[in-house]
């Protein structure tokens, strides 16, 4: 599965951004999908995930109530709507997919990764 992320940019605190991730010719059906982020000098962390059936979702505590992840299997795409952005949200955001039974899984469980898109939030 090849993933391509887009939608990052430079915004001010309190603004919104929507990240997108698309596959090339493959469906997300059956895959657990997620968004991770990695800030400079920090480890990659899970931001949000949707389970393979599309019925389970989870969010990092730091983004609950502000970020919403969704997936459109018909369009082979997933999204991360980010509202009320904060400077601490600044990071490279990666979309990812995995087929293991681990939920939501660690970064090491994910076999398929997008190239990353940079989100910078200024104060």
PDB file of N, CA and C in Angstrom:
ATOM      1  N   UNK A   1       0.855  -1.188   0.000  1.00  0.00           N
ATOM      2  CA  UNK A   1       0.000   0.000   0.000  1.00  0.00           C
ATOM      3  C   UNK A   1       0.892   1.239   0.000  1.00  0.00           C
ATOM      4  N   UNK A   2       0.754   2.067  -1.012  1.00  0.00           N
ATOM      5  CA  UNK A   2       1.503   3.328  -1.074  1.00  0.00           C
ATOM      6  C   UNK A   2       0.608   4.452  -0.581  1.00  0.00           C
ATOM      7  N   UNK A   3       1.124   5.227   0.354  1.00  0.00           N
ATOM      8  CA  UNK A   3       0.350   6.308   0.949  1.00  0.00           C
ATOM      9  C   UNK A   3       0.977   7.646   0.614  1.00  0.00           C
ATOM     10  N   UNK A   4       0.138   8.639   0.409  1.00  0.00           N
ATOM     11  CA  UNK A   4       0.627   9.985   0.129  1.00  0.00           C
ATOM     12  C   UNK A   4      -0.155  10.980   0.961  1.00  0.00           C
ATOM     13  N   UNK A   5       0.549  11.661   1.848  1.00  0.00           N
ATOM     14  CA  UNK A   5      -0.071  12.640   2.735  1.00  0.00           C
ATOM     15  C   UNK A   5       0.061  14.039   2.164  1.00  0.00           C
ATOM     16  N   UNK A   6      -0.918  14.872   2.490  1.00  0.00           N
ATOM     17  CA  UNK A   6      -0.885  16.263   2.044  1.00  0.00           C
ATOM     18  C   UNK A   6      -1.705  17.118   2.994  1.00  0.00           C
ATOM     19  N   UNK A   7      -1.563  18.432   2.862  1.00  0.00           N
ATOM     20  CA  UNK A   7      -2.398  19.344   3.619  1.00  0.00           C
ATOM     21  C   UNK A   7      -1.703  20.129   4.711  1.00  0.00           C
ATOM     22  N   UNK A   8      -0.435  19.842   4.955  1.00  0.00           N
ATOM     23  CA  UNK A   8       0.268  20.582   5.990  1.00  0.00           C
ATOM     24  C   UNK A   8       0.523  22.024   5.580  1.00  0.00           C
ATOM     25  N   UNK A   9       1.009  22.797   6.541  1.00  0.00           N
ATOM     26  CA  UNK A   9       1.316  24.186   6.244  1.00  0.00           C
ATOM     27  C   UNK A   9       1.632  24.965   7.492  1.00  0.00           C
ATOM     28  N   UNK A  10       1.775  26.273   7.321  1.00  0.00           N
ATOM     29  CA  UNK A  10       2.058  27.188   8.424  1.00  0.00           C
ATOM     30  C   UNK A  10       0.777  27.922   8.790  1.00  0.00           C
ATOM     31  N   UNK A  11       0.371  27.799  10.038  1.00  0.00           N
ATOM     32  CA  UNK A  11      -0.843  28.446  10.509  1.00  0.00           C
ATOM     33  C   UNK A  11      -0.565  29.101  11.856  1.00  0.00           C
ATOM     34  N   UNK A  12      -1.533  29.896  12.297  1.00  0.00           N
ATOM     35  CA  UNK A  12      -1.420  30.530  13.607  1.00  0.00           C
ATOM     36  C   UNK A  12      -2.197  29.719  14.644  1.00  0.00           C
ATOM     37  N   UNK A  13      -1.842  29.900  15.881  1.00  0.00           N
ATOM     38  CA  UNK A  13      -2.551  29.227  16.961  1.00  0.00           C
ATOM     39  C   UNK A  13      -4.041  29.551  16.867  1.00  0.00           C
ATOM     40  N   UNK A  14      -4.856  28.511  17.046  1.00  0.00           N
ATOM     41  CA  UNK A  14      -6.301  28.667  16.954  1.00  0.00           C
ATOM     42  C   UNK A  14      -6.880  28.363  15.583  1.00  0.00           C
ATOM     43  N   UNK A  15      -6.013  28.281  14.581  1.00  0.00           N
ATOM     44  CA  UNK A  15      -6.465  27.971  13.220  1.00  0.00           C
ATOM     45  C   UNK A  15      -6.759  26.487  13.060  1.00  0.00           C
ATOM     46  N   UNK A  16      -7.265  26.134  11.882  1.00  0.00           N
ATOM     47  CA  UNK A  16      -7.582  24.751  11.555  1.00  0.00           C
ATOM     48  C   UNK A  16      -6.833  24.330  10.291  1.00  0.00           C
ATOM     49  N   UNK A  17      -6.588  23.027  10.199  1.00  0.00           N
ATOM     50  CA  UNK A  17      -6.018  22.421   8.999  1.00  0.00           C
ATOM     51  C   UNK A  17      -6.656  21.056   8.812  1.00  0.00           C
ATOM     52  N   UNK A  18      -6.719  20.622   7.574  1.00  0.00           N
ATOM     53  CA  UNK A  18      -7.202  19.278   7.275  1.00  0.00           C
ATOM     54  C   UNK A  18      -6.134  18.547   6.489  1.00  0.00           C
ATOM     55  N   UNK A  19      -5.642  17.463   7.074  1.00  0.00           N
ATOM     56  CA  UNK A  19      -4.676  16.631   6.392  1.00  0.00           C
ATOM     57  C   UNK A  19      -5.399  15.518   5.646  1.00  0.00           C
ATOM     58  N   UNK A  20      -4.853  15.155   4.508  1.00  0.00           N
ATOM     59  CA  UNK A  20      -5.414  14.064   3.715  1.00  0.00           C
ATOM     60  C   UNK A  20      -4.337  13.029   3.436  1.00  0.00           C
ATOM     61  N   UNK A  21      -4.774  11.804   3.238  1.00  0.00           N
ATOM     62  CA  UNK A  21      -3.852  10.725   2.891  1.00  0.00           C
ATOM     63  C   UNK A  21      -4.571   9.807   1.925  1.00  0.00           C
ATOM     64  N   UNK A  22      -3.965   9.563   0.787  1.00  0.00           N
ATOM     65  CA  UNK A  22      -4.588   8.735  -0.229  1.00  0.00           C
ATOM     66  C   UNK A  22      -3.696   7.549  -0.579  1.00  0.00           C
ATOM     67  N   UNK A  23      -4.328   6.462  -0.961  1.00  0.00           N
ATOM     68  CA  UNK A  23      -3.577   5.310  -1.458  1.00  0.00           C
ATOM     69  C   UNK A  23      -3.554   5.364  -2.975  1.00  0.00           C
ATOM     70  N   UNK A  24      -2.679   4.586  -3.536  1.00  0.00           N
ATOM     71  CA  UNK A  24      -2.595   4.509  -4.991  1.00  0.00           C
ATOM     72  C   UNK A  24      -3.102   3.144  -5.428  1.00  0.00           C
ATOM     73  N   UNK A  25      -4.395   3.095  -5.790  1.00  0.00           N
ATOM     74  CA  UNK A  25      -4.938   1.874  -6.360  1.00  0.00           C
ATOM     75  C   UNK A  25      -5.300   0.797  -5.366  1.00  0.00           C
ATOM     76  N   UNK A  26      -5.147   1.081  -4.073  1.00  0.00           N
ATOM     77  CA  UNK A  26      -5.514   0.079  -3.079  1.00  0.00           C
ATOM     78  C   UNK A  26      -6.510   0.674  -2.110  1.00  0.00           C
ATOM     79  N   UNK A  27      -7.338  -0.173  -1.531  1.00  0.00           N
ATOM     80  CA  UNK A  27      -8.334   0.267  -0.563  1.00  0.00           C
ATOM     81  C   UNK A  27      -7.779   0.136   0.843  1.00  0.00           C
ATOM     82  N   UNK A  28      -8.332   0.920   1.756  1.00  0.00           N
ATOM     83  CA  UNK A  28      -8.004   0.805   3.169  1.00  0.00           C
ATOM     84  C   UNK A  28      -8.800  -0.296   3.857  1.00  0.00           C
ATOM     85  N   UNK A  29      -9.708  -0.931   3.132  1.00  0.00           N
ATOM     86  CA  UNK A  29     -10.537  -1.966   3.747  1.00  0.00           C
ATOM     87  C   UNK A  29      -9.653  -3.037   4.389  1.00  0.00           C
ATOM     88  N   UNK A  30      -9.945  -3.324   5.639  1.00  0.00           N
ATOM     89  CA  UNK A  30      -9.201  -4.361   6.343  1.00  0.00           C
ATOM     90  C   UNK A  30      -7.949  -3.853   7.045  1.00  0.00           C
ATOM     91  N   UNK A  31      -7.571  -2.612   6.809  1.00  0.00           N
ATOM     92  CA  UNK A  31      -6.380  -2.057   7.438  1.00  0.00           C
ATOM     93  C   UNK A  31      -6.773  -1.181   8.627  1.00  0.00           C
ATOM     94  N   UNK A  32      -6.023  -1.262   9.684  1.00  0.00           N
ATOM     95  CA  UNK A  32      -6.077  -0.230  10.704  1.00  0.00           C
ATOM     96  C   UNK A  32      -5.251   0.940  10.188  1.00  0.00           C
ATOM     97  N   UNK A  33      -5.817   2.130  10.249  1.00  0.00           N
ATOM     98  CA  UNK A  33      -5.129   3.304   9.740  1.00  0.00           C
ATOM     99  C   UNK A  33      -4.936   4.327  10.848  1.00  0.00           C
ATOM    100  N   UNK A  34      -3.914   5.117  10.712  1.00  0.00           N
ATOM    101  CA  UNK A  34      -3.581   6.039  11.799  1.00  0.00           C
ATOM    102  C   UNK A  34      -2.827   7.254  11.277  1.00  0.00           C
ATOM    103  N   UNK A  35      -2.826   8.266  12.106  1.00  0.00           N
ATOM    104  CA  UNK A  35      -1.964   9.422  11.931  1.00  0.00           C
ATOM    105  C   UNK A  35      -0.983   9.443  13.109  1.00  0.00           C
ATOM    106  N   UNK A  36       0.272   9.602  12.786  1.00  0.00           N
ATOM    107  CA  UNK A  36       1.317   9.798  13.773  1.00  0.00           C
ATOM    108  C   UNK A  36       1.921  11.183  13.549  1.00  0.00           C
ATOM    109  N   UNK A  37       2.657  11.653  14.533  1.00  0.00           N
ATOM    110  CA  UNK A  37       3.413  12.888  14.349  1.00  0.00           C
ATOM    111  C   UNK A  37       4.754  12.786  15.067  1.00  0.00           C
ATOM    112  N   UNK A  38       5.695  13.546  14.552  1.00  0.00           N
ATOM    113  CA  UNK A  38       7.021  13.555  15.163  1.00  0.00           C
ATOM    114  C   UNK A  38       7.544  14.984  15.169  1.00  0.00           C
ATOM    115  N   UNK A  39       7.749  15.499  16.376  1.00  0.00           N
ATOM    116  CA  UNK A  39       8.309  16.831  16.556  1.00  0.00           C
ATOM    117  C   UNK A  39       9.828  16.712  16.644  1.00  0.00           C
ATOM    118  N   UNK A  40      10.542  17.784  16.355  1.00  0.00           N
ATOM    119  CA  UNK A  40      12.008  17.737  16.415  1.00  0.00           C
ATOM    120  C   UNK A  40      12.502  17.271  17.776  1.00  0.00           C
ATOM    121  N   UNK A  41      13.386  16.292  17.769  1.00  0.00           N
ATOM    122  CA  UNK A  41      13.964  15.790  19.006  1.00  0.00           C
ATOM    123  C   UNK A  41      13.069  14.885  19.816  1.00  0.00           C
ATOM    124  N   UNK A  42      11.893  14.553  19.289  1.00  0.00           N
ATOM    125  CA  UNK A  42      10.955  13.701  20.022  1.00  0.00           C
ATOM    126  C   UNK A  42      10.668  12.428  19.242  1.00  0.00           C
ATOM    127  N   UNK A  43      10.137  11.445  19.940  1.00  0.00           N
ATOM    128  CA  UNK A  43       9.761  10.200  19.294  1.00  0.00           C
ATOM    129  C   UNK A  43       8.451  10.371  18.525  1.00  0.00           C
ATOM    130  N   UNK A  44       8.267   9.504  17.554  1.00  0.00           N
ATOM    131  CA  UNK A  44       7.020   9.513  16.806  1.00  0.00           C
ATOM    132  C   UNK A  44       5.901   9.047  17.726  1.00  0.00           C
ATOM    133  N   UNK A  45       4.789   9.766  17.719  1.00  0.00           N
ATOM    134  CA  UNK A  45       3.681   9.428  18.607  1.00  0.00           C
ATOM    135  C   UNK A  45       2.385   9.272  17.815  1.00  0.00           C
ATOM    136  N   UNK A  46       1.535   8.404  18.341  1.00  0.00           N
ATOM    137  CA  UNK A  46       0.227   8.190  17.733  1.00  0.00           C
ATOM    138  C   UNK A  46      -0.671   9.382  18.035  1.00  0.00           C
ATOM    139  N   UNK A  47      -1.305   9.907  17.005  1.00  0.00           N
ATOM    140  CA  UNK A  47      -2.249  11.007  17.159  1.00  0.00           C
ATOM    141  C   UNK A  47      -3.678  10.472  17.162  1.00  0.00           C
ATOM    142  N   UNK A  48      -4.003   9.628  16.199  1.00  0.00           N
ATOM    143  CA  UNK A  48      -5.351   9.085  16.073  1.00  0.00           C
ATOM    144  C   UNK A  48      -5.308   7.831  15.228  1.00  0.00           C
ATOM    145  N   UNK A  49      -6.279   6.947  15.451  1.00  0.00           N
ATOM    146  CA  UNK A  49      -6.344   5.720  14.666  1.00  0.00           C
ATOM    147  C   UNK A  49      -7.791   5.301  14.466  1.00  0.00           C
ATOM    148  N   UNK A  50      -8.038   4.634  13.360  1.00  0.00           N
ATOM    149  CA  UNK A  50      -9.330   4.015  13.073  1.00  0.00           C
ATOM    150  C   UNK A  50      -9.080   2.547  12.805  1.00  0.00           C
ATOM    151  N   UNK A  51      -9.845   1.689  13.473  1.00  0.00           N
ATOM    152  CA  UNK A  51      -9.662   0.267  13.330  1.00  0.00           C
ATOM    153  C   UNK A  51     -10.051  -0.257  11.958  1.00  0.00           C
ATOM    154  N   UNK A  52      -9.674  -1.521  11.668  1.00  0.00           N
ATOM    155  CA  UNK A  52      -9.856  -2.083  10.338  1.00  0.00           C
ATOM    156  C   UNK A  52     -11.313  -2.112   9.909  1.00  0.00           C
ATOM    157  N   UNK A  53     -12.245  -2.251  10.863  1.00  0.00           N
ATOM    158  CA  UNK A  53     -13.665  -2.282  10.523  1.00  0.00           C
ATOM    159  C   UNK A  53     -14.259  -0.891  10.408  1.00  0.00           C
ATOM    160  N   UNK A  54     -13.481   0.100  10.788  1.00  0.00           N
ATOM    161  CA  UNK A  54     -13.967   1.469  10.705  1.00  0.00           C
ATOM    162  C   UNK A  54     -14.870   1.875  11.843  1.00  0.00           C
ATOM    163  N   UNK A  55     -15.005   1.023  12.851  1.00  0.00           N
ATOM    164  CA  UNK A  55     -15.929   1.312  13.947  1.00  0.00           C
ATOM    165  C   UNK A  55     -15.226   1.730  15.231  1.00  0.00           C
ATOM    166  N   UNK A  56     -13.937   1.538  15.294  1.00  0.00           N
ATOM    167  CA  UNK A  56     -13.182   1.904  16.494  1.00  0.00           C
ATOM    168  C   UNK A  56     -12.278   3.082  16.178  1.00  0.00           C
ATOM    169  N   UNK A  57     -12.247   4.039  17.080  1.00  0.00           N
ATOM    170  CA  UNK A  57     -11.349   5.175  16.931  1.00  0.00           C
ATOM    171  C   UNK A  57     -10.670   5.455  18.266  1.00  0.00           C
ATOM    172  N   UNK A  58      -9.511   6.033  18.214  1.00  0.00           N
ATOM    173  CA  UNK A  58      -8.818   6.436  19.425  1.00  0.00           C
ATOM    174  C   UNK A  58      -8.002   7.687  19.130  1.00  0.00           C
ATOM    175  N   UNK A  59      -7.788   8.490  20.156  1.00  0.00           N
ATOM    176  CA  UNK A  59      -7.047   9.737  20.013  1.00  0.00           C
ATOM    177  C   UNK A  59      -6.066   9.890  21.161  1.00  0.00           C
ATOM    178  N   UNK A  60      -4.964  10.533  20.880  1.00  0.00           N
ATOM    179  CA  UNK A  60      -4.051  10.918  21.949  1.00  0.00           C
ATOM    180  C   UNK A  60      -4.759  11.921  22.852  1.00  0.00           C
ATOM    181  N   UNK A  61      -4.479  11.860  24.136  1.00  0.00           N
ATOM    182  CA  UNK A  61      -5.130  12.773  25.079  1.00  0.00           C
ATOM    183  C   UNK A  61      -4.909  14.232  24.685  1.00  0.00           C
ATOM    184  N   UNK A  62      -3.756  14.526  24.134  1.00  0.00           N
ATOM    185  CA  UNK A  62      -3.402  15.906  23.822  1.00  0.00           C
ATOM    186  C   UNK A  62      -4.228  16.497  22.684  1.00  0.00           C
ATOM    187  N   UNK A  63      -4.908  15.651  21.906  1.00  0.00           N
ATOM    188  CA  UNK A  63      -5.682  16.165  20.763  1.00  0.00           C
ATOM    189  C   UNK A  63      -7.170  15.889  20.882  1.00  0.00           C
ATOM    190  N   UNK A  64      -7.585  15.178  21.928  1.00  0.00           N
ATOM    191  CA  UNK A  64      -9.010  14.873  22.087  1.00  0.00           C
ATOM    192  C   UNK A  64      -9.830  16.153  22.132  1.00  0.00           C
ATOM    193  N   UNK A  65     -10.932  16.139  21.389  1.00  0.00           N
ATOM    194  CA  UNK A  65     -11.804  17.305  21.353  1.00  0.00           C
ATOM    195  C   UNK A  65     -11.389  18.347  20.334  1.00  0.00           C
ATOM    196  N   UNK A  66     -10.188  18.215  19.777  1.00  0.00           N
ATOM    197  CA  UNK A  66      -9.711  19.183  18.781  1.00  0.00           C
ATOM    198  C   UNK A  66      -9.497  18.538  17.406  1.00  0.00           C
ATOM    199  N   UNK A  67      -9.057  17.292  17.399  1.00  0.00           N
ATOM    200  CA  UNK A  67      -8.766  16.588  16.140  1.00  0.00           C
ATOM    201  C   UNK A  67      -9.827  15.525  15.894  1.00  0.00           C
ATOM    202  N   UNK A  68     -10.144  15.321  14.628  1.00  0.00           N
ATOM    203  CA  UNK A  68     -11.068  14.266  14.238  1.00  0.00           C
ATOM    204  C   UNK A  68     -10.497  13.524  13.040  1.00  0.00           C
ATOM    205  N   UNK A  69     -10.379  12.210  13.203  1.00  0.00           N
ATOM    206  CA  UNK A  69      -9.908  11.382  12.093  1.00  0.00           C
ATOM    207  C   UNK A  69     -11.092  10.718  11.420  1.00  0.00           C
ATOM    208  N   UNK A  70     -11.059  10.653  10.090  1.00  0.00           N
ATOM    209  CA  UNK A  70     -12.108   9.970   9.345  1.00  0.00           C
ATOM    210  C   UNK A  70     -11.479   9.211   8.186  1.00  0.00           C
ATOM    211  N   UNK A  71     -12.273   8.321   7.640  1.00  0.00           N
ATOM    212  CA  UNK A  71     -11.781   7.495   6.548  1.00  0.00           C
ATOM    213  C   UNK A  71     -12.894   7.279   5.547  1.00  0.00           C
ATOM    214  N   UNK A  72     -12.564   7.323   4.275  1.00  0.00           N
ATOM    215  CA  UNK A  72     -13.529   7.082   3.206  1.00  0.00           C
ATOM    216  C   UNK A  72     -12.972   5.936   2.358  1.00  0.00           C
ATOM    217  N   UNK A  73     -13.457   4.728   2.622  1.00  0.00           N
ATOM    218  CA  UNK A  73     -12.952   3.567   1.901  1.00  0.00           C
ATOM    219  C   UNK A  73     -13.254   3.653   0.410  1.00  0.00           C
ATOM    220  N   UNK A  74     -14.383   4.264   0.052  1.00  0.00           N
ATOM    221  CA  UNK A  74     -14.754   4.366  -1.359  1.00  0.00           C
ATOM    222  C   UNK A  74     -13.768   5.255  -2.126  1.00  0.00           C
ATOM    223  N   UNK A  75     -13.205   6.243  -1.435  1.00  0.00           N
ATOM    224  CA  UNK A  75     -12.247   7.140  -2.072  1.00  0.00           C
ATOM    225  C   UNK A  75     -10.805   6.766  -1.769  1.00  0.00           C
ATOM    226  N   UNK A  76     -10.641   5.677  -1.021  1.00  0.00           N
ATOM    227  CA  UNK A  76      -9.290   5.244  -0.643  1.00  0.00           C
ATOM    228  C   UNK A  76      -8.522   6.384   0.016  1.00  0.00           C
ATOM    229  N   UNK A  77      -9.169   7.042   0.953  1.00  0.00           N
ATOM    230  CA  UNK A  77      -8.562   8.210   1.574  1.00  0.00           C
ATOM    231  C   UNK A  77      -8.883   8.255   3.058  1.00  0.00           C
ATOM    232  N   UNK A  78      -8.018   8.895   3.809  1.00  0.00           N
ATOM    233  CA  UNK A  78      -8.292   9.173   5.206  1.00  0.00           C
ATOM    234  C   UNK A  78      -7.885  10.618   5.491  1.00  0.00           C
ATOM    235  N   UNK A  79      -8.451  11.158   6.554  1.00  0.00           N
ATOM    236  CA  UNK A  79      -8.305  12.574   6.824  1.00  0.00           C
ATOM    237  C   UNK A  79      -8.046  12.814   8.310  1.00  0.00           C
ATOM    238  N   UNK A  80      -7.452  13.942   8.602  1.00  0.00           N
ATOM    239  CA  UNK A  80      -7.291  14.386   9.979  1.00  0.00           C
ATOM    240  C   UNK A  80      -7.682  15.860  10.027  1.00  0.00           C
ATOM    241  N   UNK A  81      -8.842  16.122  10.584  1.00  0.00           N
ATOM    242  CA  UNK A  81      -9.292  17.499  10.766  1.00  0.00           C
ATOM    243  C   UNK A  81      -8.729  18.012  12.079  1.00  0.00           C
ATOM    244  N   UNK A  82      -7.958  19.070  12.002  1.00  0.00           N
ATOM    245  CA  UNK A  82      -7.299  19.604  13.194  1.00  0.00           C
ATOM    246  C   UNK A  82      -7.816  21.018  13.455  1.00  0.00           C
ATOM    247  N   UNK A  83      -8.471  21.176  14.578  1.00  0.00           N
ATOM    248  CA  UNK A  83      -9.021  22.474  14.967  1.00  0.00           C
ATOM    249  C   UNK A  83      -8.299  23.016  16.192  1.00  0.00           C
ATOM    250  N   UNK A  84      -8.410  24.325  16.394  1.00  0.00           N
ATOM    251  CA  UNK A  84      -7.806  24.964  17.571  1.00  0.00           C
ATOM    252  C   UNK A  84      -6.343  24.525  17.731  1.00  0.00           C
ATOM    253  N   UNK A  85      -5.596  24.676  16.677  1.00  0.00           N
ATOM    254  CA  UNK A  85      -4.204  24.223  16.699  1.00  0.00           C
ATOM    255  C   UNK A  85      -3.374  25.025  17.681  1.00  0.00           C
ATOM    256  N   UNK A  86      -2.421  24.351  18.288  1.00  0.00           N
ATOM    257  CA  UNK A  86      -1.547  24.946  19.284  1.00  0.00           C
ATOM    258  C   UNK A  86      -0.096  24.816  18.820  1.00  0.00           C
ATOM    259  N   UNK A  87       0.785  25.691  19.312  1.00  0.00           N
ATOM    260  CA  UNK A  87       2.196  25.568  18.911  1.00  0.00           C
ATOM    261  C   UNK A  87       2.775  24.179  19.179  1.00  0.00           C
ATOM    262  N   UNK A  88       2.309  23.522  20.224  1.00  0.00           N
ATOM    263  CA  UNK A  88       2.827  22.188  20.538  1.00  0.00           C
ATOM    264  C   UNK A  88       2.349  21.121  19.561  1.00  0.00           C
ATOM    265  N   UNK A  89       1.454  21.476  18.653  1.00  0.00           N
ATOM    266  CA  UNK A  89       1.051  20.553  17.592  1.00  0.00           C
ATOM    267  C   UNK A  89       2.032  20.567  16.420  1.00  0.00           C
ATOM    268  N   UNK A  90       2.988  21.461  16.460  1.00  0.00           N
ATOM    269  CA  UNK A  90       3.975  21.550  15.387  1.00  0.00           C
ATOM    270  C   UNK A  90       4.762  20.254  15.287  1.00  0.00           C
ATOM    271  N   UNK A  91       4.745  19.649  14.101  1.00  0.00           N
ATOM    272  CA  UNK A  91       5.403  18.361  13.885  1.00  0.00           C
ATOM    273  C   UNK A  91       5.254  17.970  12.413  1.00  0.00           C
ATOM    274  N   UNK A  92       5.965  16.936  12.046  1.00  0.00           N
ATOM    275  CA  UNK A  92       5.706  16.270  10.771  1.00  0.00           C
ATOM    276  C   UNK A  92       4.656  15.200  11.040  1.00  0.00           C
ATOM    277  N   UNK A  93       3.609  15.222  10.270  1.00  0.00           N
ATOM    278  CA  UNK A  93       2.500  14.286  10.435  1.00  0.00           C
ATOM    279  C   UNK A  93       2.578  13.207   9.361  1.00  0.00           C
ATOM    280  N   UNK A  94       2.426  11.973   9.802  1.00  0.00           N
ATOM    281  CA  UNK A  94       2.505  10.824   8.911  1.00  0.00           C
ATOM    282  C   UNK A  94       1.209  10.025   8.961  1.00  0.00           C
ATOM    283  N   UNK A  95       0.733   9.598   7.802  1.00  0.00           N
ATOM    284  CA  UNK A  95      -0.345   8.624   7.777  1.00  0.00           C
ATOM    285  C   UNK A  95       0.272   7.234   7.668  1.00  0.00           C
ATOM    286  N   UNK A  96      -0.438   6.255   8.197  1.00  0.00           N
ATOM    287  CA  UNK A  96       0.110   4.904   8.241  1.00  0.00           C
ATOM    288  C   UNK A  96      -1.007   3.876   8.226  1.00  0.00           C
ATOM    289  N   UNK A  97      -0.659   2.664   7.841  1.00  0.00           N
ATOM    290  CA  UNK A  97      -1.636   1.579   7.800  1.00  0.00           C
ATOM    291  C   UNK A  97      -0.972   0.277   8.228  1.00  0.00           C
ATOM    292  N   UNK A  98      -1.759  -0.584   8.844  1.00  0.00           N
ATOM    293  CA  UNK A  98      -1.201  -1.860   9.305  1.00  0.00           C
ATOM    294  C   UNK A  98      -2.252  -2.956   9.294  1.00  0.00           C
ATOM    295  N   UNK A  99      -1.778  -4.196   9.258  1.00  0.00           N
ATOM    296  CA  UNK A  99      -2.666  -5.361   9.196  1.00  0.00           C
ATOM    297  C   UNK A  99      -2.540  -6.255  10.415  1.00  0.00           C
ATOM    298  N   UNK A 100      -1.756  -5.848  11.426  1.00  0.00           N
ATOM    299  CA  UNK A 100      -1.635  -6.693  12.601  1.00  0.00           C
ATOM    300  C   UNK A 100      -2.892  -6.595  13.438  1.00  0.00           C
ATOM    301  N   UNK A 101      -2.993  -7.446  14.433  1.00  0.00           N
ATOM    302  CA  UNK A 101      -4.147  -7.434  15.333  1.00  0.00           C
ATOM    303  C   UNK A 101      -3.961  -6.469  16.494  1.00  0.00           C
ATOM    304  N   UNK A 102      -2.837  -5.804  16.544  1.00  0.00           N
ATOM    305  CA  UNK A 102      -2.561  -4.881  17.635  1.00  0.00           C
ATOM    306  C   UNK A 102      -3.376  -3.603  17.460  1.00  0.00           C
ATOM    307  N   UNK A 103      -4.064  -3.185  18.535  1.00  0.00           N
ATOM    308  CA  UNK A 103      -4.911  -1.994  18.488  1.00  0.00           C
ATOM    309  C   UNK A 103      -4.568  -1.063  19.629  1.00  0.00           C
ATOM    310  N   UNK A 104      -4.351   0.235  19.306  1.00  0.00           N
ATOM    311  CA  UNK A 104      -4.177   0.754  17.957  1.00  0.00           C
ATOM    312  C   UNK A 104      -2.799   0.487  17.382  1.00  0.00           C
ATOM    313  N   UNK A 105      -1.963  -0.096  18.202  1.00  0.00           N
ATOM    314  CA  UNK A 105      -0.642  -0.463  17.731  1.00  0.00           C
ATOM    315  C   UNK A 105       0.394   0.628  17.941  1.00  0.00           C
ATOM    316  N   UNK A 106       1.634   0.204  17.952  1.00  0.00           N
ATOM    317  CA  UNK A 106       2.758   1.130  18.040  1.00  0.00           C
ATOM    318  C   UNK A 106       3.234   1.446  16.621  1.00  0.00           C
ATOM    319  N   UNK A 107       4.088   2.413  16.529  1.00  0.00           N
ATOM    320  CA  UNK A 107       4.628   2.767  15.214  1.00  0.00           C
ATOM    321  C   UNK A 107       5.261   1.549  14.540  1.00  0.00           C
ATOM    322  N   UNK A 108       5.901   0.695  15.329  1.00  0.00           N
ATOM    323  CA  UNK A 108       6.571  -0.481  14.766  1.00  0.00           C
ATOM    324  C   UNK A 108       5.590  -1.497  14.188  1.00  0.00           C
ATOM    325  N   UNK A 109       4.311  -1.401  14.551  1.00  0.00           N
ATOM    326  CA  UNK A 109       3.301  -2.322  14.000  1.00  0.00           C
ATOM    327  C   UNK A 109       2.842  -1.914  12.610  1.00  0.00           C
ATOM    328  N   UNK A 110       3.129  -0.686  12.235  1.00  0.00           N
ATOM    329  CA  UNK A 110       2.636  -0.149  10.972  1.00  0.00           C
ATOM    330  C   UNK A 110       3.659  -0.382   9.869  1.00  0.00           C
ATOM    331  N   UNK A 111       3.223  -1.055   8.823  1.00  0.00           N
ATOM    332  CA  UNK A 111       4.133  -1.411   7.727  1.00  0.00           C
ATOM    333  C   UNK A 111       4.131  -0.393   6.595  1.00  0.00           C
ATOM    334  N   UNK A 112       3.062   0.385   6.533  1.00  0.00           N
ATOM    335  CA  UNK A 112       2.898   1.289   5.387  1.00  0.00           C
ATOM    336  C   UNK A 112       2.818   2.724   5.887  1.00  0.00           C
ATOM    337  N   UNK A 113       3.635   3.581   5.280  1.00  0.00           N
ATOM    338  CA  UNK A 113       3.749   4.959   5.735  1.00  0.00           C
ATOM    339  C   UNK A 113       3.710   5.931   4.566  1.00  0.00           C
ATOM    340  N   UNK A 114       3.066   7.071   4.814  1.00  0.00           N
ATOM    341  CA  UNK A 114       3.168   8.174   3.872  1.00  0.00           C
ATOM    342  C   UNK A 114       4.466   8.913   4.102  1.00  0.00           C
ATOM    343  N   UNK A 115       4.749   9.880   3.267  1.00  0.00           N
ATOM    344  CA  UNK A 115       6.029  10.568   3.302  1.00  0.00           C
ATOM    345  C   UNK A 115       6.094  11.652   4.375  1.00  0.00           C
ATOM    346  N   UNK A 116       4.981  12.001   4.977  1.00  0.00           N
ATOM    347  CA  UNK A 116       4.978  13.031   6.006  1.00  0.00           C
ATOM    348  C   UNK A 116       4.651  14.390   5.438  1.00  0.00           C
ATOM    349  N   UNK A 117       3.920  15.164   6.220  1.00  0.00           N
ATOM    350  CA  UNK A 117       3.589  16.537   5.833  1.00  0.00           C
ATOM    351  C   UNK A 117       3.790  17.422   7.055  1.00  0.00           C
ATOM    352  N   UNK A 118       4.456  18.543   6.873  1.00  0.00           N
ATOM    353  CA  UNK A 118       4.850  19.400   7.986  1.00  0.00           C
ATOM    354  C   UNK A 118       3.728  20.356   8.368  1.00  0.00           C
ATOM    355  N   UNK A 119       3.419  20.361   9.652  1.00  0.00           N
ATOM    356  CA  UNK A 119       2.468  21.313  10.219  1.00  0.00           C
ATOM    357  C   UNK A 119       3.234  22.197  11.195  1.00  0.00           C
ATOM    358  N   UNK A 120       3.180  23.492  10.956  1.00  0.00           N
ATOM    359  CA  UNK A 120       3.846  24.456  11.836  1.00  0.00           C
ATOM    360  C   UNK A 120       2.801  25.431  12.357  1.00  0.00           C
ATOM    361  N   UNK A 121       2.723  25.524  13.687  1.00  0.00           N
ATOM    362  CA  UNK A 121       1.746  26.399  14.320  1.00  0.00           C
ATOM    363  C   UNK A 121       2.494  27.498  15.063  1.00  0.00           C
ATOM    364  N   UNK A 122       2.279  28.722  14.658  1.00  0.00           N
ATOM    365  CA  UNK A 122       2.948  29.846  15.303  1.00  0.00           C
ATOM    366  C   UNK A 122       2.057  30.423  16.394  1.00  0.00           C
ATOM    367  N   UNK A 123       2.709  30.969  17.415  1.00  0.00           N
ATOM    368  CA  UNK A 123       1.948  31.520  18.546  1.00  0.00           C
ATOM    369  C   UNK A 123       1.581  32.978  18.319  1.00  0.00           C
TER     370      UNK A 123
END
